[in-house]
Amino acid sequence: MNDVLPLWATQLAVFDTETTGVETDSARIVSATLALLSEHGEVSERYDWLLDPGVEIPDSAVRVHGITTEVARASGIAAAVGVQQITDRIAQVIDRGLPLVVYNAPYDLSLLRAEQRRHGVATADIAPVLDPLIIDKQLDRYRKGKRTLVAVAEHYGVALGNAHDAGEDAIASGKVMQHLARKYANTLPSELEEIHAAQIGWAKAQAENFQEYMRRVRDPNFVAEGEWPVRS
């Protein structure tokens, strides 16, 4: 592995959400974290949100992240306020020239887009985005095993304390990205815009391959979404 961290990975913004469900068009944000990591993987800035999503948080979601409806209502800010604040803070770090690391970006960023539309918050393209899931699958495609954040963090020796906590997950994603940046410094493009563009093609190809596999072995009508980093 290359011990030198490429310049583009020396300061990263990292983002993650915890939500009410898995469908990006209907789920609501319950908590979110946006943090900045230094070249040593240390947190230099951190912003956390707890939102009252305005709907009941299902037990299935509570079992994942531990935030109940009662806690969200008592301690969370109004969803519209939180979504606006998250949107503004992401725009600020992008304006500072930092890439946004989001593990499985089409989930969190598509959900954020749906929330923006739901609450009348102006939307804007988010770029450059770095998605460790897409990059890891592309550059180490024949490695067996799961590609969940927990599994990938373990593979790269990244500590993940409380999985499914937005802050822990966001920070671990950034550290995984820095491991990938070091390992594939001579393979990845040297410019963030080129890495972002490459992931669009990689995500599409990965989805097509998965769709072909699923149609062959399980469901002839299976459809895999390949849009990245936000589904339309």
C-alpha atoms as a PDB file:
ATOM      1  CA  MET A   1       0.000   0.000   0.000  1.00  0.00           C
ATOM      2  CA  ASN A   2       1.187   3.502  -0.775  1.00  0.00           C
ATOM      3  CA  ASP A   3       1.906   5.345   2.498  1.00  0.00           C
ATOM      4  CA  VAL A   4       1.431   8.751   0.891  1.00  0.00           C
ATOM      5  CA  LEU A   5      -2.082  10.170   0.989  1.00  0.00           C
ATOM      6  CA  PRO A   6      -3.001  11.943  -2.265  1.00  0.00           C
ATOM      7  CA  LEU A   7      -3.573  15.659  -1.851  1.00  0.00           C
ATOM      8  CA  TRP A   8      -7.279  15.354  -2.688  1.00  0.00           C
ATOM      9  CA  ALA A   9      -7.801  13.055   0.324  1.00  0.00           C
ATOM     10  CA  THR A  10      -5.958  15.119   2.930  1.00  0.00           C
ATOM     11  CA  GLN A  11      -9.151  16.872   4.002  1.00  0.00           C
ATOM     12  CA  LEU A  12     -12.519  15.218   3.543  1.00  0.00           C
ATOM     13  CA  ALA A  13     -16.084  16.088   4.443  1.00  0.00           C
ATOM     14  CA  VAL A  14     -18.049  13.026   5.561  1.00  0.00           C
ATOM     15  CA  PHE A  15     -21.817  12.613   5.785  1.00  0.00           C
ATOM     16  CA  ASP A  16     -24.312  10.026   6.978  1.00  0.00           C
ATOM     17  CA  THR A  17     -27.942   9.818   8.033  1.00  0.00           C
ATOM     18  CA  GLU A  18     -30.138   7.578  10.150  1.00  0.00           C
ATOM     19  CA  THR A  19     -33.719   7.367   9.002  1.00  0.00           C
ATOM     20  CA  THR A  20     -37.221   6.006   9.434  1.00  0.00           C
ATOM     21  CA  GLY A  21     -36.909   3.399   6.662  1.00  0.00           C
ATOM     22  CA  VAL A  22     -35.155   2.159   3.564  1.00  0.00           C
ATOM     23  CA  GLU A  23     -37.205   3.684   0.738  1.00  0.00           C
ATOM     24  CA  THR A  24     -35.539   6.935  -0.225  1.00  0.00           C
ATOM     25  CA  ASP A  25     -38.688   8.576  -1.571  1.00  0.00           C
ATOM     26  CA  SER A  26     -40.706   8.038   1.615  1.00  0.00           C
ATOM     27  CA  ALA A  27     -38.248   7.635   4.503  1.00  0.00           C
ATOM     28  CA  ARG A  28     -37.454  10.612   6.721  1.00  0.00           C
ATOM     29  CA  ILE A  29     -34.179  11.764   8.258  1.00  0.00           C
ATOM     30  CA  VAL A  30     -33.975  11.188  12.013  1.00  0.00           C
ATOM     31  CA  SER A  31     -30.334  12.053  12.611  1.00  0.00           C
ATOM     32  CA  ALA A  32     -27.404  13.215  10.508  1.00  0.00           C
ATOM     33  CA  THR A  33     -23.745  14.069  10.881  1.00  0.00           C
ATOM     34  CA  LEU A  34     -21.425  16.126   8.715  1.00  0.00           C
ATOM     35  CA  ALA A  35     -17.794  16.163   9.790  1.00  0.00           C
ATOM     36  CA  LEU A  36     -14.400  17.157   8.436  1.00  0.00           C
ATOM     37  CA  LEU A  37     -11.442  14.794   8.661  1.00  0.00           C
ATOM     38  CA  SER A  38      -7.783  15.749   8.574  1.00  0.00           C
ATOM     39  CA  GLU A  39      -5.127  13.807   6.706  1.00  0.00           C
ATOM     40  CA  HIS A  40      -4.623  11.735   9.865  1.00  0.00           C
ATOM     41  CA  GLY A  41      -8.314  10.825  10.046  1.00  0.00           C
ATOM     42  CA  GLU A  42      -8.922  13.167  12.954  1.00  0.00           C
ATOM     43  CA  VAL A  43     -12.168  15.144  13.223  1.00  0.00           C
ATOM     44  CA  SER A  44     -11.492  18.866  12.827  1.00  0.00           C
ATOM     45  CA  GLU A  45     -15.128  19.996  12.610  1.00  0.00           C
ATOM     46  CA  ARG A  46     -18.382  18.185  13.342  1.00  0.00           C
ATOM     47  CA  TYR A  47     -22.061  19.047  13.000  1.00  0.00           C
ATOM     48  CA  ASP A  48     -24.805  16.772  14.334  1.00  0.00           C
ATOM     49  CA  TRP A  49     -28.567  16.930  13.915  1.00  0.00           C
ATOM     50  CA  LEU A  50     -31.471  15.200  15.617  1.00  0.00           C
ATOM     51  CA  LEU A  51     -34.728  15.788  13.744  1.00  0.00           C
ATOM     52  CA  ASP A  52     -38.347  15.268  14.601  1.00  0.00           C
ATOM     53  CA  PRO A  53     -39.303  13.584  11.320  1.00  0.00           C
ATOM     54  CA  GLY A  54     -42.981  14.420  11.766  1.00  0.00           C
ATOM     55  CA  VAL A  55     -43.994  10.766  11.524  1.00  0.00           C
ATOM     56  CA  GLU A  56     -43.796   7.739  13.774  1.00  0.00           C
ATOM     57  CA  ILE A  57     -40.394   6.056  13.734  1.00  0.00           C
ATOM     58  CA  PRO A  58     -41.078   2.345  13.102  1.00  0.00           C
ATOM     59  CA  ASP A  59     -39.797  -0.213  15.578  1.00  0.00           C
ATOM     60  CA  SER A  60     -37.687  -1.745  12.820  1.00  0.00           C
ATOM     61  CA  ALA A  61     -35.811   1.553  12.445  1.00  0.00           C
ATOM     62  CA  VAL A  62     -35.504   2.043  16.211  1.00  0.00           C
ATOM     63  CA  ARG A  63     -33.827  -1.367  16.432  1.00  0.00           C
ATOM     64  CA  VAL A  64     -31.208  -0.115  13.973  1.00  0.00           C
ATOM     65  CA  HIS A  65     -30.321   3.322  15.350  1.00  0.00           C
ATOM     66  CA  GLY A  66     -31.989   3.418  18.757  1.00  0.00           C
ATOM     67  CA  ILE A  67     -33.859   6.712  18.312  1.00  0.00           C
ATOM     68  CA  THR A  68     -37.516   6.464  19.303  1.00  0.00           C
ATOM     69  CA  THR A  69     -40.387   8.680  18.243  1.00  0.00           C
ATOM     70  CA  GLU A  70     -40.596  10.025  21.788  1.00  0.00           C
ATOM     71  CA  VAL A  71     -36.919  11.015  21.853  1.00  0.00           C
ATOM     72  CA  ALA A  72     -37.106  12.635  18.408  1.00  0.00           C
ATOM     73  CA  ARG A  73     -40.200  14.643  19.345  1.00  0.00           C
ATOM     74  CA  ALA A  74     -38.811  15.744  22.691  1.00  0.00           C
ATOM     75  CA  SER A  75     -35.283  16.640  21.595  1.00  0.00           C
ATOM     76  CA  GLY A  76     -35.287  16.960  17.808  1.00  0.00           C
ATOM     77  CA  ILE A  77     -35.628  20.108  15.747  1.00  0.00           C
ATOM     78  CA  ALA A  78     -38.385  20.478  13.165  1.00  0.00           C
ATOM     79  CA  ALA A  79     -37.646  18.449  10.051  1.00  0.00           C
ATOM     80  CA  ALA A  80     -37.862  21.435   7.705  1.00  0.00           C
ATOM     81  CA  VAL A  81     -35.365  23.380   9.824  1.00  0.00           C
ATOM     82  CA  GLY A  82     -32.992  20.432  10.023  1.00  0.00           C
ATOM     83  CA  VAL A  83     -33.110  19.706   6.302  1.00  0.00           C
ATOM     84  CA  GLN A  84     -32.359  23.359   5.536  1.00  0.00           C
ATOM     85  CA  GLN A  85     -29.433  23.384   7.956  1.00  0.00           C
ATOM     86  CA  ILE A  86     -27.999  20.153   6.534  1.00  0.00           C
ATOM     87  CA  THR A  87     -28.366  21.480   2.987  1.00  0.00           C
ATOM     88  CA  ASP A  88     -26.646  24.753   3.862  1.00  0.00           C
ATOM     89  CA  ARG A  89     -23.776  23.075   5.683  1.00  0.00           C
ATOM     90  CA  ILE A  90     -23.098  20.640   2.824  1.00  0.00           C
ATOM     91  CA  ALA A  91     -23.083  23.560   0.377  1.00  0.00           C
ATOM     92  CA  GLN A  92     -20.577  25.385   2.567  1.00  0.00           C
ATOM     93  CA  VAL A  93     -18.074  22.521   2.660  1.00  0.00           C
ATOM     94  CA  ILE A  94     -18.437  21.972  -1.088  1.00  0.00           C
ATOM     95  CA  ASP A  95     -17.780  25.688  -1.610  1.00  0.00           C
ATOM     96  CA  ARG A  96     -14.603  25.260   0.434  1.00  0.00           C
ATOM     97  CA  GLY A  97     -13.393  22.775  -2.184  1.00  0.00           C
ATOM     98  CA  LEU A  98     -13.837  19.640  -0.101  1.00  0.00           C
ATOM     99  CA  PRO A  99     -15.174  16.360  -1.493  1.00  0.00           C
ATOM    100  CA  LEU A 100     -18.141  14.818   0.304  1.00  0.00           C
ATOM    101  CA  VAL A 101     -17.642  11.187   1.342  1.00  0.00           C
ATOM    102  CA  VAL A 102     -20.902   9.241   1.545  1.00  0.00           C
ATOM    103  CA  TYR A 103     -20.952   5.446   1.812  1.00  0.00           C
ATOM    104  CA  ASN A 104     -23.621   4.200  -0.615  1.00  0.00           C
ATOM    105  CA  ALA A 105     -24.277   7.770  -1.690  1.00  0.00           C
ATOM    106  CA  PRO A 106     -27.478   7.100  -3.692  1.00  0.00           C
ATOM    107  CA  TYR A 107     -29.247   6.185  -0.446  1.00  0.00           C
ATOM    108  CA  ASP A 108     -28.385   9.188   1.721  1.00  0.00           C
ATOM    109  CA  LEU A 109     -28.279  11.771  -1.050  1.00  0.00           C
ATOM    110  CA  SER A 110     -31.487  10.593  -2.738  1.00  0.00           C
ATOM    111  CA  LEU A 111     -33.241  10.609   0.625  1.00  0.00           C
ATOM    112  CA  LEU A 112     -31.927  14.107   1.290  1.00  0.00           C
ATOM    113  CA  ARG A 113     -33.194  15.231  -2.108  1.00  0.00           C
ATOM    114  CA  ALA A 114     -36.656  13.829  -1.315  1.00  0.00           C
ATOM    115  CA  GLU A 115     -36.642  15.623   2.041  1.00  0.00           C
ATOM    116  CA  GLN A 116     -35.615  18.890   0.372  1.00  0.00           C
ATOM    117  CA  ARG A 117     -38.543  18.627  -2.016  1.00  0.00           C
ATOM    118  CA  ARG A 118     -40.903  17.647   0.785  1.00  0.00           C
ATOM    119  CA  HIS A 119     -40.019  20.728   2.856  1.00  0.00           C
ATOM    120  CA  GLY A 120     -39.544  23.228   0.042  1.00  0.00           C
ATOM    121  CA  VAL A 121     -35.764  23.464   0.455  1.00  0.00           C
ATOM    122  CA  ALA A 122     -33.881  24.428  -2.692  1.00  0.00           C
ATOM    123  CA  THR A 123     -31.918  21.580  -4.230  1.00  0.00           C
ATOM    124  CA  ALA A 124     -28.532  21.745  -5.901  1.00  0.00           C
ATOM    125  CA  ASP A 125     -26.115  19.255  -7.391  1.00  0.00           C
ATOM    126  CA  ILE A 126     -23.608  17.912  -4.870  1.00  0.00           C
ATOM    127  CA  ALA A 127     -20.153  17.305  -6.296  1.00  0.00           C
ATOM    128  CA  PRO A 128     -17.539  16.032  -6.001  1.00  0.00           C
ATOM    129  CA  VAL A 129     -18.763  12.989  -4.085  1.00  0.00           C
ATOM    130  CA  LEU A 130     -16.578  10.070  -3.038  1.00  0.00           C
ATOM    131  CA  ASP A 131     -18.385   6.783  -2.422  1.00  0.00           C
ATOM    132  CA  PRO A 132     -16.125   4.168  -0.770  1.00  0.00           C
ATOM    133  CA  LEU A 133     -18.645   1.432  -1.616  1.00  0.00           C
ATOM    134  CA  ILE A 134     -18.454   2.079  -5.356  1.00  0.00           C
ATOM    135  CA  ILE A 135     -14.684   2.585  -5.351  1.00  0.00           C
ATOM    136  CA  ASP A 136     -13.960  -0.518  -3.249  1.00  0.00           C
ATOM    137  CA  LYS A 137     -16.197  -2.702  -5.435  1.00  0.00           C
ATOM    138  CA  GLN A 138     -14.566  -1.366  -8.583  1.00  0.00           C
ATOM    139  CA  LEU A 139     -10.937  -1.622  -7.574  1.00  0.00           C
ATOM    140  CA  ASP A 140     -11.124  -4.852  -5.545  1.00  0.00           C
ATOM    141  CA  ARG A 141     -13.965  -6.457  -7.436  1.00  0.00           C
ATOM    142  CA  TYR A 142     -13.029 -10.093  -6.880  1.00  0.00           C
ATOM    143  CA  ARG A 143     -12.781  -9.934  -3.090  1.00  0.00           C
ATOM    144  CA  LYS A 144     -15.332 -12.240  -1.515  1.00  0.00           C
ATOM    145  CA  GLY A 145     -17.590 -11.239   1.338  1.00  0.00           C
ATOM    146  CA  LYS A 146     -20.071  -8.518   2.151  1.00  0.00           C
ATOM    147  CA  ARG A 147     -19.551  -4.877   1.232  1.00  0.00           C
ATOM    148  CA  THR A 148     -21.476  -3.350   4.114  1.00  0.00           C
ATOM    149  CA  LEU A 149     -19.723  -0.508   5.908  1.00  0.00           C
ATOM    150  CA  VAL A 150     -19.127  -2.806   8.881  1.00  0.00           C
ATOM    151  CA  ALA A 151     -17.466  -5.440   6.698  1.00  0.00           C
ATOM    152  CA  VAL A 152     -15.424  -2.994   4.627  1.00  0.00           C
ATOM    153  CA  ALA A 153     -14.278  -1.055   7.686  1.00  0.00           C
ATOM    154  CA  GLU A 154     -13.107  -4.310   9.250  1.00  0.00           C
ATOM    155  CA  HIS A 155     -11.300  -5.269   6.031  1.00  0.00           C
ATOM    156  CA  TYR A 156      -9.326  -2.010   6.066  1.00  0.00           C
ATOM    157  CA  GLY A 157      -8.725  -2.032   9.811  1.00  0.00           C
ATOM    158  CA  VAL A 158     -10.951   0.953  10.533  1.00  0.00           C
ATOM    159  CA  ALA A 159     -12.547   0.992  13.976  1.00  0.00           C
ATOM    160  CA  LEU A 160     -16.329   1.368  13.886  1.00  0.00           C
ATOM    161  CA  GLY A 161     -17.606   1.749  17.406  1.00  0.00           C
ATOM    162  CA  ASN A 162     -21.381   2.105  17.341  1.00  0.00           C
ATOM    163  CA  ALA A 163     -22.489   1.058  13.859  1.00  0.00           C
ATOM    164  CA  HIS A 164     -25.687   2.764  12.654  1.00  0.00           C
ATOM    165  CA  ASP A 165     -24.855   5.923  14.518  1.00  0.00           C
ATOM    166  CA  ALA A 166     -24.667   8.694  11.914  1.00  0.00           C
ATOM    167  CA  GLY A 167     -21.488  10.161  13.370  1.00  0.00           C
ATOM    168  CA  GLU A 168     -19.655   6.862  13.769  1.00  0.00           C
ATOM    169  CA  ASP A 169     -20.652   5.727  10.286  1.00  0.00           C
ATOM    170  CA  ALA A 170     -19.709   9.013   8.615  1.00  0.00           C
ATOM    171  CA  ILE A 171     -16.274   9.134  10.236  1.00  0.00           C
ATOM    172  CA  ALA A 172     -15.565   5.460   9.516  1.00  0.00           C
ATOM    173  CA  SER A 173     -16.543   6.027   5.875  1.00  0.00           C
ATOM    174  CA  GLY A 174     -14.020   8.846   5.611  1.00  0.00           C
ATOM    175  CA  LYS A 175     -11.261   6.733   7.134  1.00  0.00           C
ATOM    176  CA  VAL A 176     -12.063   3.891   4.731  1.00  0.00           C
ATOM    177  CA  MET A 177     -11.852   6.406   1.886  1.00  0.00           C
ATOM    178  CA  GLN A 178      -8.408   7.466   3.025  1.00  0.00           C
ATOM    179  CA  HIS A 179      -7.277   3.830   3.081  1.00  0.00           C
ATOM    180  CA  LEU A 180      -8.578   3.440  -0.473  1.00  0.00           C
ATOM    181  CA  ALA A 181      -6.853   6.663  -1.516  1.00  0.00           C
ATOM    182  CA  ARG A 182      -3.521   5.377  -0.245  1.00  0.00           C
ATOM    183  CA  LYS A 183      -3.928   1.878  -1.654  1.00  0.00           C
ATOM    184  CA  TYR A 184      -5.028   3.026  -5.099  1.00  0.00           C
ATOM    185  CA  ALA A 185      -3.132   6.312  -5.339  1.00  0.00           C
ATOM    186  CA  ASN A 186      -1.607   5.216  -8.633  1.00  0.00           C
ATOM    187  CA  THR A 187      -4.906   3.853 -10.007  1.00  0.00           C
ATOM    188  CA  LEU A 188      -7.466   6.512  -9.146  1.00  0.00           C
ATOM    189  CA  PRO A 189      -7.521   9.732 -11.173  1.00  0.00           C
ATOM    190  CA  SER A 190      -5.573  12.572  -9.600  1.00  0.00           C
ATOM    191  CA  GLU A 191      -8.406  15.115  -9.830  1.00  0.00           C
ATOM    192  CA  LEU A 192     -11.607  14.977  -7.769  1.00  0.00           C
ATOM    193  CA  GLU A 193     -13.801  15.861 -10.735  1.00  0.00           C
ATOM    194  CA  GLU A 194     -12.388  12.896 -12.653  1.00  0.00           C
ATOM    195  CA  ILE A 195     -12.956  10.532  -9.728  1.00  0.00           C
ATOM    196  CA  HIS A 196     -16.548  11.757  -9.427  1.00  0.00           C
ATOM    197  CA  ALA A 197     -17.151  11.210 -13.155  1.00  0.00           C
ATOM    198  CA  ALA A 198     -15.563   7.753 -13.047  1.00  0.00           C
ATOM    199  CA  GLN A 199     -17.899   6.652 -10.247  1.00  0.00           C
ATOM    200  CA  ILE A 200     -20.939   7.493 -12.376  1.00  0.00           C
ATOM    201  CA  GLY A 201     -19.803   4.916 -14.932  1.00  0.00           C
ATOM    202  CA  TRP A 202     -18.664   2.399 -12.340  1.00  0.00           C
ATOM    203  CA  ALA A 203     -21.985   2.543 -10.486  1.00  0.00           C
ATOM    204  CA  LYS A 204     -23.909   1.997 -13.714  1.00  0.00           C
ATOM    205  CA  ALA A 205     -21.756  -0.979 -14.714  1.00  0.00           C
ATOM    206  CA  GLN A 206     -21.962  -2.527 -11.239  1.00  0.00           C
ATOM    207  CA  ALA A 207     -25.737  -2.247 -11.248  1.00  0.00           C
ATOM    208  CA  GLU A 208     -25.976  -3.781 -14.709  1.00  0.00           C
ATOM    209  CA  ASN A 209     -23.803  -6.720 -13.655  1.00  0.00           C
ATOM    210  CA  PHE A 210     -25.837  -7.272 -10.506  1.00  0.00           C
ATOM    211  CA  GLN A 211     -29.100  -7.035 -12.445  1.00  0.00           C
ATOM    212  CA  GLU A 212     -27.878  -9.612 -14.968  1.00  0.00           C
ATOM    213  CA  TYR A 213     -26.879 -11.954 -12.140  1.00  0.00           C
ATOM    214  CA  MET A 214     -30.171 -11.580 -10.263  1.00  0.00           C
ATOM    215  CA  ARG A 215     -32.230 -12.109 -13.414  1.00  0.00           C
ATOM    216  CA  ARG A 216     -30.266 -15.249 -14.183  1.00  0.00           C
ATOM    217  CA  VAL A 217     -30.439 -16.879 -10.742  1.00  0.00           C
ATOM    218  CA  ARG A 218     -33.489 -15.464  -8.962  1.00  0.00           C
ATOM    219  CA  ASP A 219     -35.909 -13.041 -10.631  1.00  0.00           C
ATOM    220  CA  PRO A 220     -36.120 -12.496 -14.405  1.00  0.00           C
ATOM    221  CA  ASN A 221     -37.725  -9.083 -13.798  1.00  0.00           C
ATOM    222  CA  PHE A 222     -35.240  -7.779 -11.237  1.00  0.00           C
ATOM    223  CA  VAL A 223     -34.127  -4.171 -11.745  1.00  0.00           C
ATOM    224  CA  ALA A 224     -30.990  -2.684 -10.163  1.00  0.00           C
ATOM    225  CA  GLU A 225     -30.755   1.083  -9.888  1.00  0.00           C
ATOM    226  CA  GLY A 226     -27.501   2.396 -11.309  1.00  0.00           C
ATOM    227  CA  GLU A 227     -27.873   6.163 -11.013  1.00  0.00           C
ATOM    228  CA  TRP A 228     -25.189   7.802  -8.891  1.00  0.00           C
ATOM    229  CA  PRO A 229     -24.789   9.783  -6.682  1.00  0.00           C
ATOM    230  CA  VAL A 230     -28.494  10.752  -6.632  1.00  0.00           C
ATOM    231  CA  ARG A 231     -31.365   8.790  -8.086  1.00  0.00           C
ATOM    232  CA  SER A 232     -33.882  10.821 -10.065  1.00  0.00           C
END
